[in-house]
Amino acid sequence: MRRVDHIIIRPISTEKSAMAEAERNEYTFEVGLSATKIEVKEAVQSLFGVKVQAVRTQVVRGKMKRFGRYYGKRPNWKKAIITLAEGEELSAFSSL
C-alpha cells in the first residue's frame, strides 16, 4: 500500500464543495493522479477514522494558459468526492 500523503494531497474548499458538505455530507479532496477509489477510501478511513460510503473521482484537465508570448498547459489533477456514512463527519476538515 502506498503512503497516505501520496494519495490524499489536500482538501478542496470552494463554495460548491461547502454546499455539498452541508447538504449531502460529501467532502472534496485533491488526490494523486494514479490513486484508485479503493486507495482513497482506505486513506480517508485511516486518516480521519470515519466510515466512507462512496467515492467518486474525476480527472480535471489542465487549462491552456499564456506565459508571456508563449502558450503552455497547466498539469492535469485528480479530484475525489467522498460521501460519508450517515452520522459521520470530518471535524478536522472544517478547521482546514
PDB file of N, CA and C in Angstrom:
ATOM      1  N   MET A   1       0.845  -1.193   0.000  1.00  0.00           N
ATOM      2  CA  MET A   1       0.000   0.000   0.000  1.00  0.00           C
ATOM      3  C   MET A   1       0.881   1.245   0.000  1.00  0.00           C
ATOM      4  N   ARG A   2       0.465   2.242  -0.744  1.00  0.00           N
ATOM      5  CA  ARG A   2       1.239   3.475  -0.811  1.00  0.00           C
ATOM      6  C   ARG A   2       0.986   4.337   0.419  1.00  0.00           C
ATOM      7  N   ARG A   3       1.869   5.288   0.632  1.00  0.00           N
ATOM      8  CA  ARG A   3       1.720   6.198   1.767  1.00  0.00           C
ATOM      9  C   ARG A   3       0.515   7.092   1.560  1.00  0.00           C
ATOM     10  N   VAL A   4      -0.124   7.467   2.675  1.00  0.00           N
ATOM     11  CA  VAL A   4      -1.347   8.265   2.629  1.00  0.00           C
ATOM     12  C   VAL A   4      -1.087   9.637   2.013  1.00  0.00           C
ATOM     13  N   ASP A   5       0.088  10.225   2.257  1.00  0.00           N
ATOM     14  CA  ASP A   5       0.356  11.564   1.726  1.00  0.00           C
ATOM     15  C   ASP A   5       0.582  11.553   0.212  1.00  0.00           C
ATOM     16  N   HIS A   6       0.745  10.370  -0.405  1.00  0.00           N
ATOM     17  CA  HIS A   6       0.819  10.285  -1.862  1.00  0.00           C
ATOM     18  C   HIS A   6      -0.564  10.093  -2.471  1.00  0.00           C
ATOM     19  N   ILE A   7      -1.537   9.750  -1.617  1.00  0.00           N
ATOM     20  CA  ILE A   7      -2.897   9.534  -2.106  1.00  0.00           C
ATOM     21  C   ILE A   7      -3.723  10.800  -1.908  1.00  0.00           C
ATOM     22  N   ILE A   8      -3.817  11.284  -0.668  1.00  0.00           N
ATOM     23  CA  ILE A   8      -4.583  12.497  -0.360  1.00  0.00           C
ATOM     24  C   ILE A   8      -3.596  13.661  -0.351  1.00  0.00           C
ATOM     25  N   ILE A   9      -3.796  14.624  -1.243  1.00  0.00           N
ATOM     26  CA  ILE A   9      -2.865  15.744  -1.337  1.00  0.00           C
ATOM     27  C   ILE A   9      -3.343  16.925  -0.496  1.00  0.00           C
ATOM     28  N   ARG A  10      -4.606  17.345  -0.712  1.00  0.00           N
ATOM     29  CA  ARG A  10      -5.132  18.480   0.046  1.00  0.00           C
ATOM     30  C   ARG A  10      -6.645  18.507  -0.055  1.00  0.00           C
ATOM     31  N   PRO A  11      -7.315  19.113   0.907  1.00  0.00           N
ATOM     32  CA  PRO A  11      -8.760  19.311   0.772  1.00  0.00           C
ATOM     33  C   PRO A  11      -9.045  20.468  -0.173  1.00  0.00           C
ATOM     34  N   ILE A  12     -10.174  20.417  -0.835  1.00  0.00           N
ATOM     35  CA  ILE A  12     -10.583  21.485  -1.748  1.00  0.00           C
ATOM     36  C   ILE A  12     -11.747  22.209  -1.100  1.00  0.00           C
ATOM     37  N   SER A  13     -11.594  23.497  -0.896  1.00  0.00           N
ATOM     38  CA  SER A  13     -12.664  24.267  -0.264  1.00  0.00           C
ATOM     39  C   SER A  13     -13.132  25.355  -1.225  1.00  0.00           C
ATOM     40  N   THR A  14     -14.255  25.088  -1.869  1.00  0.00           N
ATOM     41  CA  THR A  14     -14.906  26.055  -2.730  1.00  0.00           C
ATOM     42  C   THR A  14     -16.334  26.217  -2.237  1.00  0.00           C
ATOM     43  N   GLU A  15     -17.044  27.140  -2.814  1.00  0.00           N
ATOM     44  CA  GLU A  15     -18.434  27.338  -2.413  1.00  0.00           C
ATOM     45  C   GLU A  15     -19.270  26.097  -2.728  1.00  0.00           C
ATOM     46  N   LYS A  16     -19.010  25.495  -3.858  1.00  0.00           N
ATOM     47  CA  LYS A  16     -19.750  24.297  -4.256  1.00  0.00           C
ATOM     48  C   LYS A  16     -19.458  23.122  -3.316  1.00  0.00           C
ATOM     49  N   SER A  17     -18.195  22.947  -2.923  1.00  0.00           N
ATOM     50  CA  SER A  17     -17.862  21.853  -2.022  1.00  0.00           C
ATOM     51  C   SER A  17     -18.388  22.104  -0.609  1.00  0.00           C
ATOM     52  N   ALA A  18     -18.470  23.366  -0.201  1.00  0.00           N
ATOM     53  CA  ALA A  18     -19.035  23.686   1.118  1.00  0.00           C
ATOM     54  C   ALA A  18     -20.531  23.375   1.158  1.00  0.00           C
ATOM     55  N   MET A  19     -21.233  23.630   0.054  1.00  0.00           N
ATOM     56  CA  MET A  19     -22.657  23.302  -0.007  1.00  0.00           C
ATOM     57  C   MET A  19     -22.866  21.789   0.009  1.00  0.00           C
ATOM     58  N   ALA A  20     -22.019  21.040  -0.692  1.00  0.00           N
ATOM     59  CA  ALA A  20     -22.124  19.581  -0.709  1.00  0.00           C
ATOM     60  C   ALA A  20     -21.845  19.002   0.667  1.00  0.00           C
ATOM     61  N   GLU A  21     -20.904  19.627   1.385  1.00  0.00           N
ATOM     62  CA  GLU A  21     -20.583  19.184   2.737  1.00  0.00           C
ATOM     63  C   GLU A  21     -21.775  19.376   3.674  1.00  0.00           C
ATOM     64  N   ALA A  22     -22.428  20.511   3.572  1.00  0.00           N
ATOM     65  CA  ALA A  22     -23.546  20.818   4.465  1.00  0.00           C
ATOM     66  C   ALA A  22     -24.800  20.025   4.108  1.00  0.00           C
ATOM     67  N   GLU A  23     -25.083  19.857   2.821  1.00  0.00           N
ATOM     68  CA  GLU A  23     -26.338  19.234   2.398  1.00  0.00           C
ATOM     69  C   GLU A  23     -26.264  17.714   2.284  1.00  0.00           C
ATOM     70  N   ARG A  24     -25.146  17.186   1.745  1.00  0.00           N
ATOM     71  CA  ARG A  24     -25.092  15.765   1.420  1.00  0.00           C
ATOM     72  C   ARG A  24     -23.987  15.012   2.138  1.00  0.00           C
ATOM     73  N   ASN A  25     -23.274  15.638   3.059  1.00  0.00           N
ATOM     74  CA  ASN A  25     -22.190  15.009   3.813  1.00  0.00           C
ATOM     75  C   ASN A  25     -21.094  14.494   2.871  1.00  0.00           C
ATOM     76  N   GLU A  26     -20.740  15.329   1.864  1.00  0.00           N
ATOM     77  CA  GLU A  26     -19.698  14.991   0.897  1.00  0.00           C
ATOM     78  C   GLU A  26     -18.505  15.932   1.080  1.00  0.00           C
ATOM     79  N   TYR A  27     -17.320  15.373   1.019  1.00  0.00           N
ATOM     80  CA  TYR A  27     -16.090  16.147   1.181  1.00  0.00           C
ATOM     81  C   TYR A  27     -15.240  15.965  -0.065  1.00  0.00           C
ATOM     82  N   THR A  28     -14.540  17.019  -0.466  1.00  0.00           N
ATOM     83  CA  THR A  28     -13.777  17.012  -1.709  1.00  0.00           C
ATOM     84  C   THR A  28     -12.286  17.139  -1.412  1.00  0.00           C
ATOM     85  N   PHE A  29     -11.493  16.302  -2.064  1.00  0.00           N
ATOM     86  CA  PHE A  29     -10.043  16.296  -1.887  1.00  0.00           C
ATOM     87  C   PHE A  29      -9.362  16.258  -3.242  1.00  0.00           C
ATOM     88  N   GLU A  30      -8.163  16.845  -3.306  1.00  0.00           N
ATOM     89  CA  GLU A  30      -7.280  16.607  -4.436  1.00  0.00           C
ATOM     90  C   GLU A  30      -6.477  15.365  -4.101  1.00  0.00           C
ATOM     91  N   VAL A  31      -6.432  14.416  -5.025  1.00  0.00           N
ATOM     92  CA  VAL A  31      -5.722  13.166  -4.793  1.00  0.00           C
ATOM     93  C   VAL A  31      -4.698  12.959  -5.894  1.00  0.00           C
ATOM     94  N   GLY A  32      -3.808  12.005  -5.702  1.00  0.00           N
ATOM     95  CA  GLY A  32      -2.803  11.698  -6.709  1.00  0.00           C
ATOM     96  C   GLY A  32      -3.437  11.176  -7.984  1.00  0.00           C
ATOM     97  N   LEU A  33      -2.832  11.463  -9.120  1.00  0.00           N
ATOM     98  CA  LEU A  33      -3.392  11.049 -10.412  1.00  0.00           C
ATOM     99  C   LEU A  33      -3.521   9.532 -10.536  1.00  0.00           C
ATOM    100  N   SER A  34      -2.650   8.797  -9.902  1.00  0.00           N
ATOM    101  CA  SER A  34      -2.696   7.342 -10.022  1.00  0.00           C
ATOM    102  C   SER A  34      -3.468   6.675  -8.882  1.00  0.00           C
ATOM    103  N   ALA A  35      -4.058   7.464  -7.984  1.00  0.00           N
ATOM    104  CA  ALA A  35      -4.800   6.899  -6.855  1.00  0.00           C
ATOM    105  C   ALA A  35      -6.120   6.303  -7.327  1.00  0.00           C
ATOM    106  N   THR A  36      -6.440   5.118  -6.813  1.00  0.00           N
ATOM    107  CA  THR A  36      -7.699   4.460  -7.156  1.00  0.00           C
ATOM    108  C   THR A  36      -8.749   4.783  -6.095  1.00  0.00           C
ATOM    109  N   LYS A  37     -10.008   4.456  -6.402  1.00  0.00           N
ATOM    110  CA  LYS A  37     -11.090   4.714  -5.454  1.00  0.00           C
ATOM    111  C   LYS A  37     -10.893   3.932  -4.158  1.00  0.00           C
ATOM    112  N   ILE A  38     -10.421   2.706  -4.263  1.00  0.00           N
ATOM    113  CA  ILE A  38     -10.209   1.874  -3.076  1.00  0.00           C
ATOM    114  C   ILE A  38      -9.109   2.462  -2.206  1.00  0.00           C
ATOM    115  N   GLU A  39      -8.016   2.920  -2.821  1.00  0.00           N
ATOM    116  CA  GLU A  39      -6.927   3.542  -2.061  1.00  0.00           C
ATOM    117  C   GLU A  39      -7.391   4.824  -1.381  1.00  0.00           C
ATOM    118  N   VAL A  40      -8.204   5.627  -2.073  1.00  0.00           N
ATOM    119  CA  VAL A  40      -8.710   6.870  -1.490  1.00  0.00           C
ATOM    120  C   VAL A  40      -9.612   6.556  -0.303  1.00  0.00           C
ATOM    121  N   LYS A  41     -10.489   5.569  -0.448  1.00  0.00           N
ATOM    122  CA  LYS A  41     -11.398   5.179   0.633  1.00  0.00           C
ATOM    123  C   LYS A  41     -10.620   4.722   1.863  1.00  0.00           C
ATOM    124  N   GLU A  42      -9.627   3.858   1.672  1.00  0.00           N
ATOM    125  CA  GLU A  42      -8.828   3.365   2.789  1.00  0.00           C
ATOM    126  C   GLU A  42      -8.017   4.479   3.440  1.00  0.00           C
ATOM    127  N   ALA A  43      -7.505   5.412   2.635  1.00  0.00           N
ATOM    128  CA  ALA A  43      -6.711   6.519   3.171  1.00  0.00           C
ATOM    129  C   ALA A  43      -7.575   7.440   4.033  1.00  0.00           C
ATOM    130  N   VAL A  44      -8.780   7.762   3.569  1.00  0.00           N
ATOM    131  CA  VAL A  44      -9.662   8.643   4.345  1.00  0.00           C
ATOM    132  C   VAL A  44     -10.094   7.958   5.630  1.00  0.00           C
ATOM    133  N   GLN A  45     -10.426   6.673   5.544  1.00  0.00           N
ATOM    134  CA  GLN A  45     -10.861   5.949   6.741  1.00  0.00           C
ATOM    135  C   GLN A  45      -9.747   5.854   7.770  1.00  0.00           C
ATOM    136  N   SER A  46      -8.507   5.617   7.340  1.00  0.00           N
ATOM    137  CA  SER A  46      -7.406   5.503   8.293  1.00  0.00           C
ATOM    138  C   SER A  46      -6.957   6.870   8.812  1.00  0.00           C
ATOM    139  N   LEU A  47      -7.022   7.896   7.973  1.00  0.00           N
ATOM    140  CA  LEU A  47      -6.560   9.222   8.357  1.00  0.00           C
ATOM    141  C   LEU A  47      -7.522   9.903   9.322  1.00  0.00           C
ATOM    142  N   PHE A  48      -8.829   9.804   9.052  1.00  0.00           N
ATOM    143  CA  PHE A  48      -9.812  10.528   9.846  1.00  0.00           C
ATOM    144  C   PHE A  48     -10.636   9.635  10.772  1.00  0.00           C
ATOM    145  N   GLY A  49     -10.561   8.315  10.613  1.00  0.00           N
ATOM    146  CA  GLY A  49     -11.299   7.402  11.467  1.00  0.00           C
ATOM    147  C   GLY A  49     -12.799   7.466  11.263  1.00  0.00           C
ATOM    148  N   VAL A  50     -13.248   7.545  10.015  1.00  0.00           N
ATOM    149  CA  VAL A  50     -14.673   7.620   9.691  1.00  0.00           C
ATOM    150  C   VAL A  50     -15.025   6.484   8.734  1.00  0.00           C
ATOM    151  N   LYS A  51     -16.312   6.243   8.561  1.00  0.00           N
ATOM    152  CA  LYS A  51     -16.809   5.224   7.634  1.00  0.00           C
ATOM    153  C   LYS A  51     -17.189   5.902   6.319  1.00  0.00           C
ATOM    154  N   VAL A  52     -16.536   5.502   5.226  1.00  0.00           N
ATOM    155  CA  VAL A  52     -16.797   6.074   3.904  1.00  0.00           C
ATOM    156  C   VAL A  52     -17.839   5.218   3.200  1.00  0.00           C
ATOM    157  N   GLN A  53     -18.879   5.867   2.698  1.00  0.00           N
ATOM    158  CA  GLN A  53     -19.941   5.165   1.991  1.00  0.00           C
ATOM    159  C   GLN A  53     -19.641   5.049   0.496  1.00  0.00           C
ATOM    160  N   ALA A  54     -19.149   6.124  -0.138  1.00  0.00           N
ATOM    161  CA  ALA A  54     -18.889   6.104  -1.580  1.00  0.00           C
ATOM    162  C   ALA A  54     -17.753   7.060  -1.919  1.00  0.00           C
ATOM    163  N   VAL A  55     -17.085   6.771  -3.042  1.00  0.00           N
ATOM    164  CA  VAL A  55     -16.010   7.625  -3.557  1.00  0.00           C
ATOM    165  C   VAL A  55     -16.261   7.836  -5.047  1.00  0.00           C
ATOM    166  N   ARG A  56     -16.264   9.092  -5.470  1.00  0.00           N
ATOM    167  CA  ARG A  56     -16.352   9.430  -6.891  1.00  0.00           C
ATOM    168  C   ARG A  56     -15.084  10.204  -7.248  1.00  0.00           C
ATOM    169  N   THR A  57     -14.494   9.872  -8.383  1.00  0.00           N
ATOM    170  CA  THR A  57     -13.271  10.557  -8.805  1.00  0.00           C
ATOM    171  C   THR A  57     -13.457  11.113 -10.205  1.00  0.00           C
ATOM    172  N   GLN A  58     -12.687  12.146 -10.486  1.00  0.00           N
ATOM    173  CA  GLN A  58     -12.654  12.693 -11.840  1.00  0.00           C
ATOM    174  C   GLN A  58     -11.309  13.358 -12.063  1.00  0.00           C
ATOM    175  N   VAL A  59     -10.839  13.268 -13.306  1.00  0.00           N
ATOM    176  CA  VAL A  59      -9.594  13.921 -13.692  1.00  0.00           C
ATOM    177  C   VAL A  59      -9.953  15.296 -14.233  1.00  0.00           C
ATOM    178  N   VAL A  60      -9.382  16.324 -13.629  1.00  0.00           N
ATOM    179  CA  VAL A  60      -9.609  17.698 -14.073  1.00  0.00           C
ATOM    180  C   VAL A  60      -8.482  18.035 -15.043  1.00  0.00           C
ATOM    181  N   ARG A  61      -8.843  18.329 -16.258  1.00  0.00           N
ATOM    182  CA  ARG A  61      -7.847  18.610 -17.291  1.00  0.00           C
ATOM    183  C   ARG A  61      -7.254  19.999 -17.095  1.00  0.00           C
ATOM    184  N   GLY A  62      -5.942  20.113 -17.301  1.00  0.00           N
ATOM    185  CA  GLY A  62      -5.265  21.387 -17.154  1.00  0.00           C
ATOM    186  C   GLY A  62      -5.637  22.356 -18.258  1.00  0.00           C
ATOM    187  N   LYS A  63      -5.711  23.623 -17.912  1.00  0.00           N
ATOM    188  CA  LYS A  63      -6.102  24.649 -18.875  1.00  0.00           C
ATOM    189  C   LYS A  63      -4.901  25.102 -19.709  1.00  0.00           C
ATOM    190  N   MET A  64      -5.199  25.565 -20.901  1.00  0.00           N
ATOM    191  CA  MET A  64      -4.173  26.205 -21.724  1.00  0.00           C
ATOM    192  C   MET A  64      -4.023  27.646 -21.229  1.00  0.00           C
ATOM    193  N   LYS A  65      -2.810  28.065 -20.981  1.00  0.00           N
ATOM    194  CA  LYS A  65      -2.546  29.406 -20.461  1.00  0.00           C
ATOM    195  C   LYS A  65      -1.420  30.046 -21.249  1.00  0.00           C
ATOM    196  N   ARG A  66      -1.410  31.367 -21.223  1.00  0.00           N
ATOM    197  CA  ARG A  66      -0.315  32.120 -21.858  1.00  0.00           C
ATOM    198  C   ARG A  66       0.710  32.469 -20.808  1.00  0.00           C
ATOM    199  N   PHE A  67       1.957  32.305 -21.165  1.00  0.00           N
ATOM    200  CA  PHE A  67       3.074  32.702 -20.325  1.00  0.00           C
ATOM    201  C   PHE A  67       3.904  33.672 -21.160  1.00  0.00           C
ATOM    202  N   GLY A  68       3.577  34.969 -21.032  1.00  0.00           N
ATOM    203  CA  GLY A  68       4.214  35.961 -21.894  1.00  0.00           C
ATOM    204  C   GLY A  68       3.709  35.789 -23.308  1.00  0.00           C
ATOM    205  N   ARG A  69       4.612  35.568 -24.237  1.00  0.00           N
ATOM    206  CA  ARG A  69       4.167  35.376 -25.619  1.00  0.00           C
ATOM    207  C   ARG A  69       4.049  33.906 -25.988  1.00  0.00           C
ATOM    208  N   TYR A  70       4.266  33.015 -25.038  1.00  0.00           N
ATOM    209  CA  TYR A  70       4.201  31.575 -25.292  1.00  0.00           C
ATOM    210  C   TYR A  70       2.942  30.980 -24.655  1.00  0.00           C
ATOM    211  N   TYR A  71       2.474  29.881 -25.218  1.00  0.00           N
ATOM    212  CA  TYR A  71       1.357  29.145 -24.662  1.00  0.00           C
ATOM    213  C   TYR A  71       1.889  27.912 -23.940  1.00  0.00           C
ATOM    214  N   GLY A  72       1.238  27.593 -22.860  1.00  0.00           N
ATOM    215  CA  GLY A  72       1.609  26.393 -22.114  1.00  0.00           C
ATOM    216  C   GLY A  72       0.347  25.751 -21.556  1.00  0.00           C
ATOM    217  N   LYS A  73       0.516  24.614 -20.923  1.00  0.00           N
ATOM    218  CA  LYS A  73      -0.621  23.886 -20.377  1.00  0.00           C
ATOM    219  C   LYS A  73      -0.362  23.586 -18.918  1.00  0.00           C
ATOM    220  N   ARG A  74      -1.344  23.870 -18.081  1.00  0.00           N
ATOM    221  CA  ARG A  74      -1.243  23.502 -16.670  1.00  0.00           C
ATOM    222  C   ARG A  74      -1.422  21.992 -16.536  1.00  0.00           C
ATOM    223  N   PRO A  75      -0.865  21.399 -15.491  1.00  0.00           N
ATOM    224  CA  PRO A  75      -0.948  19.944 -15.376  1.00  0.00           C
ATOM    225  C   PRO A  75      -2.363  19.467 -15.028  1.00  0.00           C
ATOM    226  N   ASN A  76      -2.672  18.235 -15.433  1.00  0.00           N
ATOM    227  CA  ASN A  76      -3.921  17.604 -15.035  1.00  0.00           C
ATOM    228  C   ASN A  76      -3.837  17.223 -13.554  1.00  0.00           C
ATOM    229  N   TRP A  77      -4.995  17.140 -12.886  1.00  0.00           N
ATOM    230  CA  TRP A  77      -5.031  16.710 -11.497  1.00  0.00           C
ATOM    231  C   TRP A  77      -6.317  15.945 -11.250  1.00  0.00           C
ATOM    232  N   LYS A  78      -6.352  15.201 -10.165  1.00  0.00           N
ATOM    233  CA  LYS A  78      -7.491  14.339  -9.892  1.00  0.00           C
ATOM    234  C   LYS A  78      -8.213  14.818  -8.641  1.00  0.00           C
ATOM    235  N   LYS A  79      -9.556  14.792  -8.725  1.00  0.00           N
ATOM    236  CA  LYS A  79     -10.404  15.222  -7.620  1.00  0.00           C
ATOM    237  C   LYS A  79     -11.217  14.023  -7.162  1.00  0.00           C
ATOM    238  N   ALA A  80     -11.370  13.870  -5.831  1.00  0.00           N
ATOM    239  CA  ALA A  80     -12.190  12.795  -5.274  1.00  0.00           C
ATOM    240  C   ALA A  80     -13.261  13.416  -4.388  1.00  0.00           C
ATOM    241  N   ILE A  81     -14.509  12.968  -4.581  1.00  0.00           N
ATOM    242  CA  ILE A  81     -15.619  13.414  -3.754  1.00  0.00           C
ATOM    243  C   ILE A  81     -16.005  12.232  -2.880  1.00  0.00           C
ATOM    244  N   ILE A  82     -15.864  12.411  -1.570  1.00  0.00           N
ATOM    245  CA  ILE A  82     -16.069  11.350  -0.591  1.00  0.00           C
ATOM    246  C   ILE A  82     -17.423  11.541   0.062  1.00  0.00           C
ATOM    247  N   THR A  83     -18.274  10.516   0.036  1.00  0.00           N
ATOM    248  CA  THR A  83     -19.550  10.548   0.740  1.00  0.00           C
ATOM    249  C   THR A  83     -19.391   9.710   2.005  1.00  0.00           C
ATOM    250  N   LEU A  84     -19.658  10.325   3.145  1.00  0.00           N
ATOM    251  CA  LEU A  84     -19.537   9.621   4.421  1.00  0.00           C
ATOM    252  C   LEU A  84     -20.852   8.950   4.780  1.00  0.00           C
ATOM    253  N   ALA A  85     -20.760   7.927   5.631  1.00  0.00           N
ATOM    254  CA  ALA A  85     -21.947   7.221   6.098  1.00  0.00           C
ATOM    255  C   ALA A  85     -22.780   8.154   6.979  1.00  0.00           C
ATOM    256  N   GLU A  86     -24.041   7.794   7.146  1.00  0.00           N
ATOM    257  CA  GLU A  86     -24.970   8.599   7.953  1.00  0.00           C
ATOM    258  C   GLU A  86     -24.443   8.732   9.381  1.00  0.00           C
ATOM    259  N   GLY A  87     -24.423   9.954   9.881  1.00  0.00           N
ATOM    260  CA  GLY A  87     -23.968  10.218  11.243  1.00  0.00           C
ATOM    261  C   GLY A  87     -22.479  10.479  11.380  1.00  0.00           C
ATOM    262  N   GLU A  88     -21.707  10.289  10.321  1.00  0.00           N
ATOM    263  CA  GLU A  88     -20.263  10.545  10.353  1.00  0.00           C
ATOM    264  C   GLU A  88     -19.994  11.974   9.897  1.00  0.00           C
ATOM    265  N   GLU A  89     -18.899  12.555  10.394  1.00  0.00           N
ATOM    266  CA  GLU A  89     -18.471  13.877   9.921  1.00  0.00           C
ATOM    267  C   GLU A  89     -16.971  14.009  10.121  1.00  0.00           C
ATOM    268  N   LEU A  90     -16.379  14.893   9.335  1.00  0.00           N
ATOM    269  CA  LEU A  90     -14.941  15.183   9.447  1.00  0.00           C
ATOM    270  C   LEU A  90     -14.792  16.508  10.193  1.00  0.00           C
ATOM    271  N   SER A  91     -14.572  16.440  11.478  1.00  0.00           N
ATOM    272  CA  SER A  91     -14.438  17.663  12.246  1.00  0.00           C
ATOM    273  C   SER A  91     -13.128  18.365  11.935  1.00  0.00           C
ATOM    274  N   ALA A  92     -12.089  17.607  11.600  1.00  0.00           N
ATOM    275  CA  ALA A  92     -10.800  18.203  11.254  1.00  0.00           C
ATOM    276  C   ALA A  92     -10.881  18.946   9.929  1.00  0.00           C
ATOM    277  N   PHE A  93     -11.781  18.540   9.041  1.00  0.00           N
ATOM    278  CA  PHE A  93     -11.903  19.144   7.721  1.00  0.00           C
ATOM    279  C   PHE A  93     -12.394  20.576   7.816  1.00  0.00           C
ATOM    280  N   SER A  94     -13.319  20.871   8.732  1.00  0.00           N
ATOM    281  CA  SER A  94     -13.872  22.211   8.827  1.00  0.00           C
ATOM    282  C   SER A  94     -12.859  23.223   9.361  1.00  0.00           C
ATOM    283  N   SER A  95     -11.827  22.755  10.075  1.00  0.00           N
ATOM    284  CA  SER A  95     -10.828  23.676  10.600  1.00  0.00           C
ATOM    285  C   SER A  95      -9.724  23.965   9.597  1.00  0.00           C
ATOM    286  N   LEU A  96      -9.672  23.219   8.474  1.00  0.00           N
ATOM    287  CA  LEU A  96      -8.600  23.424   7.476  1.00  0.00           C
ATOM    288  C   LEU A  96      -8.857  24.619   6.621  1.00  0.00           C
TER     289      LEU A  96
END
